[in-house]
Amino acid sequence: MAEPPGKKLKSSLPQCTAHPSSEGSSRVRQNLPAAVEEALCGVSGLMWDGAYKLQALASAFERDDVALPRVAAFFHQEALKQQAEAEAMLDYLAERGGKYCGKDIQKPGCEAVCAVLPALELLLLQLKEEAGVLVELSQLAREHGDPHTASVVKSHFLAPRVDRLKLLGDLLTSARRIGCTSDQTRGFGEYILNELQEELTR
């Protein structure tokens, strides 16, 4: 059955309500559908939010009452990857003649996280959410006759997340195996993970 006119399918793509009209757009605009431009803008903002959250997690593990430097370095590295991807998506948007709408930075919402296990689980949830959004963005681009954007999203943004998700799954398994907990008791398991986990220093 066809969708009733004016009714939108449920979407997890971030909405960019402040996005300007495509009228009077850039001279270098290259067959970039308005819906795809808006979605690229929204997903870029989502990635920036993710980078800010990861940086906040890294700072939490640098505190003197936590003192897990390799864990902090791991989250710093993840934040840098996230920031680089957000910048790459903005560069792609600009190359296609699209516009980016900046937005206010919100609190990361992870200020109370001071244990390794919930921090890793938060990162896993974030990466899964972003992967789902990227799949939907790729599908949206194909539906609007923009196979180039669909290909770029899959190869440059979605594919790298597969390796990151695998690494994160391994880290979570190791953390649980050595006794890391979700509370803030910060037992010996977190110390062992910080000292011996090879993936944290890659």
Foldseek 3Di string as FASTA:
>chain_A
DDDPPPDDDDALQFADVPFDDCPPFDPQADLQDPVLLRSLQRLLQLLLLVLVLLLLLLVLCVDPVNPLNLLSLLSPVVSVVSNVLSVVSVVVSVNNRGDHDDDDHDDSPCNVQNFDLVVLVVVLVSLVSSLRSLCVSLVVCVVSPNNVSNVCSCPPPNVVSVVVNVVSVVLNVQLVVQPGDRDDPNDVSSVCCSVPVPVSVD
